[in-house]
Amino acid sequence: MPLTPEQFKLWQALLKDMAGIHLDEQKSYLLATRLSPLLNAYGFDDLMDLYAQAQDDWNGALPAEIVQVMTTHETNFFRHPPAYEFFADLLRAQFETQTRDRPLQVLSAGCSTGEEPWSLAMTAADVLGERAERLVRIHAWDIAPASLAMAREGVYRDLGKKVDPAFIDRYFQPHEGGRRIRDNLRQLVRFEVRNLLNPGTLPARFDIVFCKNVAIYFDPPTRAAFFEEVLSWMSPQGYLFIGSGESLVGVTRAFRRERHGEVTVYRPEIEPVARTMEYSRERRRSEHSTK
């Protein structure tokens, strides 16, 4: 049975509360299409029964499963290679031309099935060799436990066109018709289930954040607030990488844009915590002025 306009608005609010997902009226058909497998899995005939169950099981498995099916998880190893080449340059600058007294903290936000954090780990190991385990910490977050389970397992097929053959030999081992990440690389990456809109206590201030194509599901106000929150996760001299089709121009003034060859990165405009507080005050003033 099709949803009424009022029921669709309830689903809109639910998706936004869960993960910031904005679903406009023109894409209402996606609810029935993408949630159909969950209706069958949970034995429901009606989307509103699924909605009620998600409300009752807010901290359980169902909300994460809904987010999983409502978002696209297309990802590849070394997607946009220039970004990883610049990441390698940053590693060289930090550990070959400078003296650094703590590990480099790297975040892969919305890591899906793991191709991005494993690409970062391979790059770090290639640049730093055995020192990578001591000098680099890669944190990989995603809201979907099923995707993270695949990422942790680290088993992939059809790598030939995605990963340099030398990296395949060095960082993968044969495994049941595919390839599995070798154990020595696994020490570099820590996978965690976290909601990026409410990640909880941070393990560190991040020097480098890869947050590619995460905010494409957000409406403009949510996107602006999200990146201002990302700012508070970062070290003052940090680097933010977003998708090649994304831009923060006109979204937030919390970051400045820098171009390095084929790569665009964003840097904190001023000290992150102070900047986040300033933007919170600006939003409150703006909201008050419109009332």
C-alpha atoms as a PDB file:
ATOM      1  CA  MET A   1       0.000   0.000   0.000  1.00  0.00           C
ATOM      2  CA  PRO A   2       1.455   3.427  -0.958  1.00  0.00           C
ATOM      3  CA  LEU A   3       2.358   5.763   1.848  1.00  0.00           C
ATOM      4  CA  THR A   4       0.198   8.775   2.519  1.00  0.00           C
ATOM      5  CA  PRO A   5       1.956  12.185   2.507  1.00  0.00           C
ATOM      6  CA  GLU A   6       1.826  12.209   6.295  1.00  0.00           C
ATOM      7  CA  GLN A   7       3.365   8.746   6.538  1.00  0.00           C
ATOM      8  CA  PHE A   8       6.128   9.710   4.114  1.00  0.00           C
ATOM      9  CA  LYS A   9       6.947  12.723   6.307  1.00  0.00           C
ATOM     10  CA  LEU A  10       7.299  10.388   9.282  1.00  0.00           C
ATOM     11  CA  TRP A  11       9.802   8.298   7.307  1.00  0.00           C
ATOM     12  CA  GLN A  12      11.633  11.453   6.216  1.00  0.00           C
ATOM     13  CA  ALA A  13      12.036  12.508   9.843  1.00  0.00           C
ATOM     14  CA  LEU A  14      13.125   9.024  10.887  1.00  0.00           C
ATOM     15  CA  LEU A  15      15.852   8.794   8.240  1.00  0.00           C
ATOM     16  CA  LYS A  16      17.140  12.248   9.122  1.00  0.00           C
ATOM     17  CA  ASP A  17      17.237  11.411  12.828  1.00  0.00           C
ATOM     18  CA  MET A  18      19.014   8.119  12.164  1.00  0.00           C
ATOM     19  CA  ALA A  19      21.779   9.293   9.867  1.00  0.00           C
ATOM     20  CA  GLY A  20      21.040  12.739   8.469  1.00  0.00           C
ATOM     21  CA  ILE A  21      19.580  11.249   5.285  1.00  0.00           C
ATOM     22  CA  HIS A  22      17.392  13.655   3.324  1.00  0.00           C
ATOM     23  CA  LEU A  23      14.854  11.971   1.059  1.00  0.00           C
ATOM     24  CA  ASP A  24      12.758  14.364  -1.006  1.00  0.00           C
ATOM     25  CA  GLU A  25       9.257  13.662  -2.240  1.00  0.00           C
ATOM     26  CA  GLN A  26      10.430  12.853  -5.780  1.00  0.00           C
ATOM     27  CA  LYS A  27      12.334   9.852  -4.424  1.00  0.00           C
ATOM     28  CA  SER A  28       9.583   8.432  -2.253  1.00  0.00           C
ATOM     29  CA  TYR A  29       9.563   5.311  -4.441  1.00  0.00           C
ATOM     30  CA  LEU A  30      12.975   4.413  -2.999  1.00  0.00           C
ATOM     31  CA  LEU A  31      11.407   3.583   0.335  1.00  0.00           C
ATOM     32  CA  ALA A  32       9.331   0.714  -1.028  1.00  0.00           C
ATOM     33  CA  THR A  33      12.074  -0.439  -3.396  1.00  0.00           C
ATOM     34  CA  ARG A  34      14.966  -0.501  -0.958  1.00  0.00           C
ATOM     35  CA  LEU A  35      13.103  -1.483   2.188  1.00  0.00           C
ATOM     36  CA  SER A  36      11.333  -4.438   0.585  1.00  0.00           C
ATOM     37  CA  PRO A  37      14.015  -6.949   1.669  1.00  0.00           C
ATOM     38  CA  LEU A  38      13.660  -5.784   5.270  1.00  0.00           C
ATOM     39  CA  LEU A  39       9.872  -6.153   5.124  1.00  0.00           C
ATOM     40  CA  ASN A  40      10.394  -9.763   4.110  1.00  0.00           C
ATOM     41  CA  ALA A  41      13.158 -10.378   6.652  1.00  0.00           C
ATOM     42  CA  TYR A  42      11.106  -9.030   9.557  1.00  0.00           C
ATOM     43  CA  GLY A  43       7.802 -10.506   8.371  1.00  0.00           C
ATOM     44  CA  PHE A  44       5.989  -7.193   7.861  1.00  0.00           C
ATOM     45  CA  ASP A  45       3.532  -6.377   5.089  1.00  0.00           C
ATOM     46  CA  ASP A  46       3.444  -2.630   5.621  1.00  0.00           C
ATOM     47  CA  LEU A  47       6.162   0.034   5.734  1.00  0.00           C
ATOM     48  CA  MET A  48       4.538   1.642   8.768  1.00  0.00           C
ATOM     49  CA  ASP A  49       4.908  -1.606  10.707  1.00  0.00           C
ATOM     50  CA  LEU A  50       8.618  -1.447   9.885  1.00  0.00           C
ATOM     51  CA  TYR A  51       8.660   2.200  10.939  1.00  0.00           C
ATOM     52  CA  ALA A  52       7.090   1.332  14.315  1.00  0.00           C
ATOM     53  CA  GLN A  53       9.584  -1.470  14.866  1.00  0.00           C
ATOM     54  CA  ALA A  54      12.495   0.869  14.094  1.00  0.00           C
ATOM     55  CA  GLN A  55      11.155   3.377  16.629  1.00  0.00           C
ATOM     56  CA  ASP A  56      10.857   0.653  19.279  1.00  0.00           C
ATOM     57  CA  ASP A  57      14.308  -0.792  18.478  1.00  0.00           C
ATOM     58  CA  TRP A  58      16.185   2.509  18.202  1.00  0.00           C
ATOM     59  CA  ASN A  59      19.451   1.118  19.565  1.00  0.00           C
ATOM     60  CA  GLY A  60      19.093  -2.282  17.967  1.00  0.00           C
ATOM     61  CA  ALA A  61      19.987  -3.754  14.589  1.00  0.00           C
ATOM     62  CA  LEU A  62      17.039  -2.553  12.498  1.00  0.00           C
ATOM     63  CA  PRO A  63      17.902   1.184  12.282  1.00  0.00           C
ATOM     64  CA  ALA A  64      21.408   0.348  11.053  1.00  0.00           C
ATOM     65  CA  GLU A  65      19.941  -2.083   8.514  1.00  0.00           C
ATOM     66  CA  ILE A  66      17.588   0.625   7.252  1.00  0.00           C
ATOM     67  CA  VAL A  67      20.475   3.056   6.807  1.00  0.00           C
ATOM     68  CA  GLN A  68      22.462   0.330   5.055  1.00  0.00           C
ATOM     69  CA  VAL A  69      19.813  -0.290   2.392  1.00  0.00           C
ATOM     70  CA  MET A  70      18.911   3.387   1.947  1.00  0.00           C
ATOM     71  CA  THR A  71      22.457   4.476   1.116  1.00  0.00           C
ATOM     72  CA  THR A  72      24.801   3.550  -1.716  1.00  0.00           C
ATOM     73  CA  HIS A  73      27.913   1.641  -0.707  1.00  0.00           C
ATOM     74  CA  GLU A  74      29.851   1.854  -3.952  1.00  0.00           C
ATOM     75  CA  THR A  75      33.530   2.046  -3.125  1.00  0.00           C
ATOM     76  CA  ASN A  76      36.805   1.006  -4.675  1.00  0.00           C
ATOM     77  CA  PHE A  77      40.432   0.628  -3.750  1.00  0.00           C
ATOM     78  CA  PHE A  78      42.436   3.794  -4.443  1.00  0.00           C
ATOM     79  CA  ARG A  79      39.409   5.691  -5.701  1.00  0.00           C
ATOM     80  CA  HIS A  80      40.776   8.932  -7.184  1.00  0.00           C
ATOM     81  CA  PRO A  81      44.472   7.899  -7.087  1.00  0.00           C
ATOM     82  CA  PRO A  82      45.829  11.470  -6.831  1.00  0.00           C
ATOM     83  CA  ALA A  83      44.323  11.703  -3.338  1.00  0.00           C
ATOM     84  CA  TYR A  84      46.400   8.743  -2.195  1.00  0.00           C
ATOM     85  CA  GLU A  85      49.492  10.131  -3.897  1.00  0.00           C
ATOM     86  CA  PHE A  86      49.042  13.349  -1.923  1.00  0.00           C
ATOM     87  CA  PHE A  87      48.450  11.319   1.252  1.00  0.00           C
ATOM     88  CA  ALA A  88      51.799   9.619   0.573  1.00  0.00           C
ATOM     89  CA  ASP A  89      53.414  13.046   0.163  1.00  0.00           C
ATOM     90  CA  LEU A  90      51.989  14.107   3.533  1.00  0.00           C
ATOM     91  CA  LEU A  91      53.453  11.001   5.169  1.00  0.00           C
ATOM     92  CA  ARG A  92      56.863  11.745   3.703  1.00  0.00           C
ATOM     93  CA  ALA A  93      56.664  15.342   4.863  1.00  0.00           C
ATOM     94  CA  GLN A  94      55.674  14.317   8.397  1.00  0.00           C
ATOM     95  CA  PHE A  95      58.187  11.543   8.933  1.00  0.00           C
ATOM     96  CA  GLU A  96      61.065  12.143   6.559  1.00  0.00           C
ATOM     97  CA  THR A  97      61.520  15.921   6.604  1.00  0.00           C
ATOM     98  CA  GLN A  98      60.062  16.708  10.044  1.00  0.00           C
ATOM     99  CA  THR A  99      60.412  15.314  13.548  1.00  0.00           C
ATOM    100  CA  ARG A 100      57.024  14.158  14.811  1.00  0.00           C
ATOM    101  CA  ASP A 101      56.510  13.130  18.436  1.00  0.00           C
ATOM    102  CA  ARG A 102      53.218  11.257  18.091  1.00  0.00           C
ATOM    103  CA  PRO A 103      51.534   8.919  15.592  1.00  0.00           C
ATOM    104  CA  LEU A 104      49.637  10.414  12.691  1.00  0.00           C
ATOM    105  CA  GLN A 105      45.916   9.950  13.355  1.00  0.00           C
ATOM    106  CA  VAL A 106      43.880   9.217  10.210  1.00  0.00           C
ATOM    107  CA  LEU A 107      40.110   8.801   9.944  1.00  0.00           C
ATOM    108  CA  SER A 108      38.181   7.051   7.192  1.00  0.00           C
ATOM    109  CA  ALA A 109      34.641   8.317   7.884  1.00  0.00           C
ATOM    110  CA  GLY A 110      31.908   6.223   6.297  1.00  0.00           C
ATOM    111  CA  CYS A 111      34.380   3.476   5.383  1.00  0.00           C
ATOM    112  CA  SER A 112      31.739   1.044   4.044  1.00  0.00           C
ATOM    113  CA  THR A 113      33.290  -2.343   3.174  1.00  0.00           C
ATOM    114  CA  GLY A 114      36.844  -1.226   3.870  1.00  0.00           C
ATOM    115  CA  GLU A 115      38.448  -0.431   0.542  1.00  0.00           C
ATOM    116  CA  GLU A 116      39.322   3.127   1.571  1.00  0.00           C
ATOM    117  CA  PRO A 117      41.017   2.399   4.932  1.00  0.00           C
ATOM    118  CA  TRP A 118      42.894  -0.560   3.467  1.00  0.00           C
ATOM    119  CA  SER A 119      44.080   1.702   0.628  1.00  0.00           C
ATOM    120  CA  LEU A 120      45.307   4.180   3.225  1.00  0.00           C
ATOM    121  CA  ALA A 121      47.044   1.379   5.123  1.00  0.00           C
ATOM    122  CA  MET A 122      48.753   0.086   1.977  1.00  0.00           C
ATOM    123  CA  THR A 123      49.935   3.601   1.154  1.00  0.00           C
ATOM    124  CA  ALA A 124      51.312   4.094   4.673  1.00  0.00           C
ATOM    125  CA  ALA A 125      53.100   0.734   4.597  1.00  0.00           C
ATOM    126  CA  ASP A 126      54.531   1.486   1.165  1.00  0.00           C
ATOM    127  CA  VAL A 127      55.929   4.842   2.296  1.00  0.00           C
ATOM    128  CA  LEU A 128      57.030   3.973   5.827  1.00  0.00           C
ATOM    129  CA  GLY A 129      57.677   0.238   5.674  1.00  0.00           C
ATOM    130  CA  GLU A 130      57.733  -1.478   9.067  1.00  0.00           C
ATOM    131  CA  ARG A 131      57.593   1.925  10.793  1.00  0.00           C
ATOM    132  CA  ALA A 132      53.984   2.375   9.654  1.00  0.00           C
ATOM    133  CA  GLU A 133      52.614   0.266  12.509  1.00  0.00           C
ATOM    134  CA  ARG A 134      54.274   2.597  15.020  1.00  0.00           C
ATOM    135  CA  LEU A 135      53.771   5.903  13.224  1.00  0.00           C
ATOM    136  CA  VAL A 136      50.244   5.749  11.782  1.00  0.00           C
ATOM    137  CA  ARG A 137      46.829   4.995  13.337  1.00  0.00           C
ATOM    138  CA  ILE A 138      43.953   4.550  10.899  1.00  0.00           C
ATOM    139  CA  HIS A 139      40.440   4.688  12.361  1.00  0.00           C
ATOM    140  CA  ALA A 140      37.624   3.419  10.140  1.00  0.00           C
ATOM    141  CA  TRP A 141      34.014   4.243  11.043  1.00  0.00           C
ATOM    142  CA  ASP A 142      30.696   3.252   9.554  1.00  0.00           C
ATOM    143  CA  ILE A 143      27.142   3.072  10.846  1.00  0.00           C
ATOM    144  CA  ALA A 144      26.399  -0.292   9.189  1.00  0.00           C
ATOM    145  CA  PRO A 145      27.626  -3.379  11.100  1.00  0.00           C
ATOM    146  CA  ALA A 146      27.239  -5.616   8.032  1.00  0.00           C
ATOM    147  CA  SER A 147      29.561  -3.420   5.973  1.00  0.00           C
ATOM    148  CA  LEU A 148      32.089  -3.250   8.803  1.00  0.00           C
ATOM    149  CA  ALA A 149      32.060  -7.031   9.152  1.00  0.00           C
ATOM    150  CA  MET A 150      33.104  -7.297   5.504  1.00  0.00           C
ATOM    151  CA  ALA A 151      35.741  -4.615   6.025  1.00  0.00           C
ATOM    152  CA  ARG A 152      37.242  -6.408   9.015  1.00  0.00           C
ATOM    153  CA  GLU A 153      37.276  -9.709   7.159  1.00  0.00           C
ATOM    154  CA  GLY A 154      39.234  -8.020   4.379  1.00  0.00           C
ATOM    155  CA  VAL A 155      38.446 -10.548   1.656  1.00  0.00           C
ATOM    156  CA  TYR A 156      38.051  -9.187  -1.876  1.00  0.00           C
ATOM    157  CA  ARG A 157      37.786 -10.465  -5.421  1.00  0.00           C
ATOM    158  CA  ASP A 158      38.616  -9.032  -8.836  1.00  0.00           C
ATOM    159  CA  LEU A 159      41.471  -6.882  -7.583  1.00  0.00           C
ATOM    160  CA  GLY A 160      43.375  -6.928 -10.866  1.00  0.00           C
ATOM    161  CA  LYS A 161      42.077  -3.625 -12.231  1.00  0.00           C
ATOM    162  CA  LYS A 162      41.819  -1.862  -8.877  1.00  0.00           C
ATOM    163  CA  VAL A 163      45.106  -2.513  -7.082  1.00  0.00           C
ATOM    164  CA  ASP A 164      48.687  -2.374  -8.338  1.00  0.00           C
ATOM    165  CA  PRO A 165      49.980  -5.957  -8.867  1.00  0.00           C
ATOM    166  CA  ALA A 166      52.949  -5.248  -6.599  1.00  0.00           C
ATOM    167  CA  PHE A 167      50.531  -4.239  -3.802  1.00  0.00           C
ATOM    168  CA  ILE A 168      48.459  -7.388  -4.374  1.00  0.00           C
ATOM    169  CA  ASP A 169      51.548  -9.548  -3.901  1.00  0.00           C
ATOM    170  CA  ARG A 170      52.761  -7.547  -0.905  1.00  0.00           C
ATOM    171  CA  TYR A 171      49.564  -6.926   1.042  1.00  0.00           C
ATOM    172  CA  PHE A 172      47.132  -9.727   0.095  1.00  0.00           C
ATOM    173  CA  GLN A 173      47.214 -13.501   0.398  1.00  0.00           C
ATOM    174  CA  PRO A 174      45.139 -16.027  -1.566  1.00  0.00           C
ATOM    175  CA  HIS A 175      41.892 -16.904   0.165  1.00  0.00           C
ATOM    176  CA  GLU A 176      39.000 -19.066  -1.132  1.00  0.00           C
ATOM    177  CA  GLY A 177      38.890 -17.750  -4.657  1.00  0.00           C
ATOM    178  CA  GLY A 178      39.815 -14.227  -3.694  1.00  0.00           C
ATOM    179  CA  ARG A 179      42.438 -12.310  -1.757  1.00  0.00           C
ATOM    180  CA  ARG A 180      42.634 -11.498   1.942  1.00  0.00           C
ATOM    181  CA  ILE A 181      44.449  -8.591   3.588  1.00  0.00           C
ATOM    182  CA  ARG A 182      47.650  -9.850   5.213  1.00  0.00           C
ATOM    183  CA  ASP A 183      47.904  -9.791   8.995  1.00  0.00           C
ATOM    184  CA  ASN A 184      50.786  -7.313   9.106  1.00  0.00           C
ATOM    185  CA  LEU A 185      48.591  -4.656   7.463  1.00  0.00           C
ATOM    186  CA  ARG A 186      45.711  -5.287   9.852  1.00  0.00           C
ATOM    187  CA  GLN A 187      47.626  -3.761  12.736  1.00  0.00           C
ATOM    188  CA  LEU A 188      47.240  -0.335  11.145  1.00  0.00           C
ATOM    189  CA  VAL A 189      43.432  -0.162  11.026  1.00  0.00           C
ATOM    190  CA  ARG A 190      40.800  -0.098  13.761  1.00  0.00           C
ATOM    191  CA  PHE A 191      37.192  -0.531  12.615  1.00  0.00           C
ATOM    192  CA  GLU A 192      34.314   0.788  14.727  1.00  0.00           C
ATOM    193  CA  VAL A 193      30.551   1.087  14.383  1.00  0.00           C
ATOM    194  CA  ARG A 194      29.864   4.796  14.798  1.00  0.00           C
ATOM    195  CA  ASN A 195      27.145   7.153  13.666  1.00  0.00           C
ATOM    196  CA  LEU A 196      28.922  10.155  12.155  1.00  0.00           C
ATOM    197  CA  LEU A 197      26.202  12.490  13.395  1.00  0.00           C
ATOM    198  CA  ASN A 198      26.812  11.346  16.962  1.00  0.00           C
ATOM    199  CA  PRO A 199      30.173   9.563  17.099  1.00  0.00           C
ATOM    200  CA  GLY A 200      30.659   9.711  20.858  1.00  0.00           C
ATOM    201  CA  THR A 201      34.035  10.150  22.526  1.00  0.00           C
ATOM    202  CA  LEU A 202      36.843  10.601  20.028  1.00  0.00           C
ATOM    203  CA  PRO A 203      39.907   8.360  20.289  1.00  0.00           C
ATOM    204  CA  ALA A 204      42.141  11.215  19.124  1.00  0.00           C
ATOM    205  CA  ARG A 205      42.210  14.505  17.247  1.00  0.00           C
ATOM    206  CA  PHE A 206      42.604  13.562  13.613  1.00  0.00           C
ATOM    207  CA  ASP A 207      45.398  14.894  11.443  1.00  0.00           C
ATOM    208  CA  ILE A 208      43.844  13.581   8.229  1.00  0.00           C
ATOM    209  CA  VAL A 209      40.157  12.894   7.567  1.00  0.00           C
ATOM    210  CA  PHE A 210      38.836  11.112   4.505  1.00  0.00           C
ATOM    211  CA  CYS A 211      35.087  11.828   4.386  1.00  0.00           C
ATOM    212  CA  LYS A 212      34.134  11.146   0.800  1.00  0.00           C
ATOM    213  CA  ASN A 213      30.547  11.204  -0.455  1.00  0.00           C
ATOM    214  CA  VAL A 214      29.120  10.920   3.055  1.00  0.00           C
ATOM    215  CA  ALA A 215      27.335  14.281   3.074  1.00  0.00           C
ATOM    216  CA  ILE A 216      25.671  13.814  -0.319  1.00  0.00           C
ATOM    217  CA  TYR A 217      22.652  12.411   1.555  1.00  0.00           C
ATOM    218  CA  PHE A 218      22.268  15.524   3.745  1.00  0.00           C
ATOM    219  CA  ASP A 219      20.192  18.615   3.152  1.00  0.00           C
ATOM    220  CA  PRO A 220      22.158  21.917   3.146  1.00  0.00           C
ATOM    221  CA  PRO A 221      21.673  22.818   6.837  1.00  0.00           C
ATOM    222  CA  THR A 222      22.625  19.301   7.956  1.00  0.00           C
ATOM    223  CA  ARG A 223      25.632  19.317   5.611  1.00  0.00           C
ATOM    224  CA  ALA A 224      26.891  22.613   7.041  1.00  0.00           C
ATOM    225  CA  ALA A 225      26.408  21.500  10.642  1.00  0.00           C
ATOM    226  CA  PHE A 226      28.072  18.169   9.919  1.00  0.00           C
ATOM    227  CA  PHE A 227      31.254  19.640   8.487  1.00  0.00           C
ATOM    228  CA  GLU A 228      31.453  22.138  11.328  1.00  0.00           C
ATOM    229  CA  GLU A 229      31.300  19.110  13.635  1.00  0.00           C
ATOM    230  CA  VAL A 230      34.019  17.386  11.595  1.00  0.00           C
ATOM    231  CA  LEU A 231      36.146  20.460  12.212  1.00  0.00           C
ATOM    232  CA  SER A 232      36.005  19.773  15.961  1.00  0.00           C
ATOM    233  CA  TRP A 233      37.417  16.277  15.356  1.00  0.00           C
ATOM    234  CA  MET A 234      40.545  17.599  13.652  1.00  0.00           C
ATOM    235  CA  SER A 235      43.920  18.894  14.704  1.00  0.00           C
ATOM    236  CA  PRO A 236      44.529  22.576  13.885  1.00  0.00           C
ATOM    237  CA  GLN A 237      46.843  21.705  10.982  1.00  0.00           C
ATOM    238  CA  GLY A 238      44.686  18.856   9.684  1.00  0.00           C
ATOM    239  CA  TYR A 239      43.650  17.918   6.162  1.00  0.00           C
ATOM    240  CA  LEU A 240      40.114  17.031   5.078  1.00  0.00           C
ATOM    241  CA  PHE A 241      39.545  15.021   1.895  1.00  0.00           C
ATOM    242  CA  ILE A 242      36.015  14.936   0.451  1.00  0.00           C
ATOM    243  CA  GLY A 243      34.630  13.428  -2.742  1.00  0.00           C
ATOM    244  CA  SER A 244      35.935  14.697  -6.066  1.00  0.00           C
ATOM    245  CA  GLY A 245      32.408  15.859  -6.948  1.00  0.00           C
ATOM    246  CA  GLU A 246      31.862  17.621  -3.619  1.00  0.00           C
ATOM    247  CA  SER A 247      32.749  21.123  -2.458  1.00  0.00           C
ATOM    248  CA  LEU A 248      32.530  23.073   0.782  1.00  0.00           C
ATOM    249  CA  VAL A 249      32.386  26.391  -1.035  1.00  0.00           C
ATOM    250  CA  GLY A 250      29.111  27.977   0.000  1.00  0.00           C
ATOM    251  CA  VAL A 251      28.536  25.242   2.608  1.00  0.00           C
ATOM    252  CA  THR A 252      30.679  26.439   5.499  1.00  0.00           C
ATOM    253  CA  ARG A 253      33.423  28.974   6.136  1.00  0.00           C
ATOM    254  CA  ALA A 254      34.992  26.713   8.761  1.00  0.00           C
ATOM    255  CA  PHE A 255      37.543  25.428   6.235  1.00  0.00           C
ATOM    256  CA  ARG A 256      39.764  26.971   3.615  1.00  0.00           C
ATOM    257  CA  ARG A 257      40.220  25.277   0.264  1.00  0.00           C
ATOM    258  CA  GLU A 258      43.665  24.309  -0.992  1.00  0.00           C
ATOM    259  CA  ARG A 259      44.588  22.887  -4.358  1.00  0.00           C
ATOM    260  CA  HIS A 260      47.570  20.544  -4.700  1.00  0.00           C
ATOM    261  CA  GLY A 261      47.910  19.408  -8.300  1.00  0.00           C
ATOM    262  CA  GLU A 262      44.832  17.311  -9.058  1.00  0.00           C
ATOM    263  CA  VAL A 263      43.767  17.175  -5.414  1.00  0.00           C
ATOM    264  CA  THR A 264      41.555  19.574  -3.469  1.00  0.00           C
ATOM    265  CA  VAL A 265      41.787  19.451   0.313  1.00  0.00           C
ATOM    266  CA  TYR A 266      40.276  21.558   3.064  1.00  0.00           C
ATOM    267  CA  ARG A 267      42.153  22.911   6.102  1.00  0.00           C
ATOM    268  CA  PRO A 268      40.755  24.312   9.361  1.00  0.00           C
ATOM    269  CA  GLU A 269      40.379  28.054   8.961  1.00  0.00           C
ATOM    270  CA  ILE A 270      41.294  28.680  12.613  1.00  0.00           C
ATOM    271  CA  GLU A 271      41.731  26.515  15.713  1.00  0.00           C
ATOM    272  CA  PRO A 272      39.008  23.835  15.453  1.00  0.00           C
ATOM    273  CA  VAL A 273      37.343  23.981  18.889  1.00  0.00           C
ATOM    274  CA  ALA A 274      37.152  27.796  18.901  1.00  0.00           C
ATOM    275  CA  ARG A 275      35.822  27.785  15.345  1.00  0.00           C
ATOM    276  CA  THR A 276      33.082  25.289  16.143  1.00  0.00           C
ATOM    277  CA  MET A 277      31.952  27.389  19.117  1.00  0.00           C
ATOM    278  CA  GLU A 278      31.953  30.515  16.944  1.00  0.00           C
ATOM    279  CA  TYR A 279      29.801  28.856  14.320  1.00  0.00           C
ATOM    280  CA  SER A 280      27.376  27.635  16.983  1.00  0.00           C
ATOM    281  CA  ARG A 281      26.951  31.222  18.151  1.00  0.00           C
ATOM    282  CA  GLU A 282      26.486  32.389  14.552  1.00  0.00           C
ATOM    283  CA  ARG A 283      23.760  29.795  13.968  1.00  0.00           C
ATOM    284  CA  ARG A 284      21.944  30.816  17.148  1.00  0.00           C
ATOM    285  CA  ARG A 285      22.085  34.497  16.143  1.00  0.00           C
ATOM    286  CA  SER A 286      20.839  33.631  12.661  1.00  0.00           C
ATOM    287  CA  GLU A 287      17.978  31.521  14.021  1.00  0.00           C
ATOM    288  CA  HIS A 288      17.013  34.284  16.486  1.00  0.00           C
ATOM    289  CA  SER A 289      17.041  36.938  13.767  1.00  0.00           C
ATOM    290  CA  THR A 290      14.593  34.986  11.621  1.00  0.00           C
ATOM    291  CA  LYS A 291      12.008  34.569  14.362  1.00  0.00           C
END
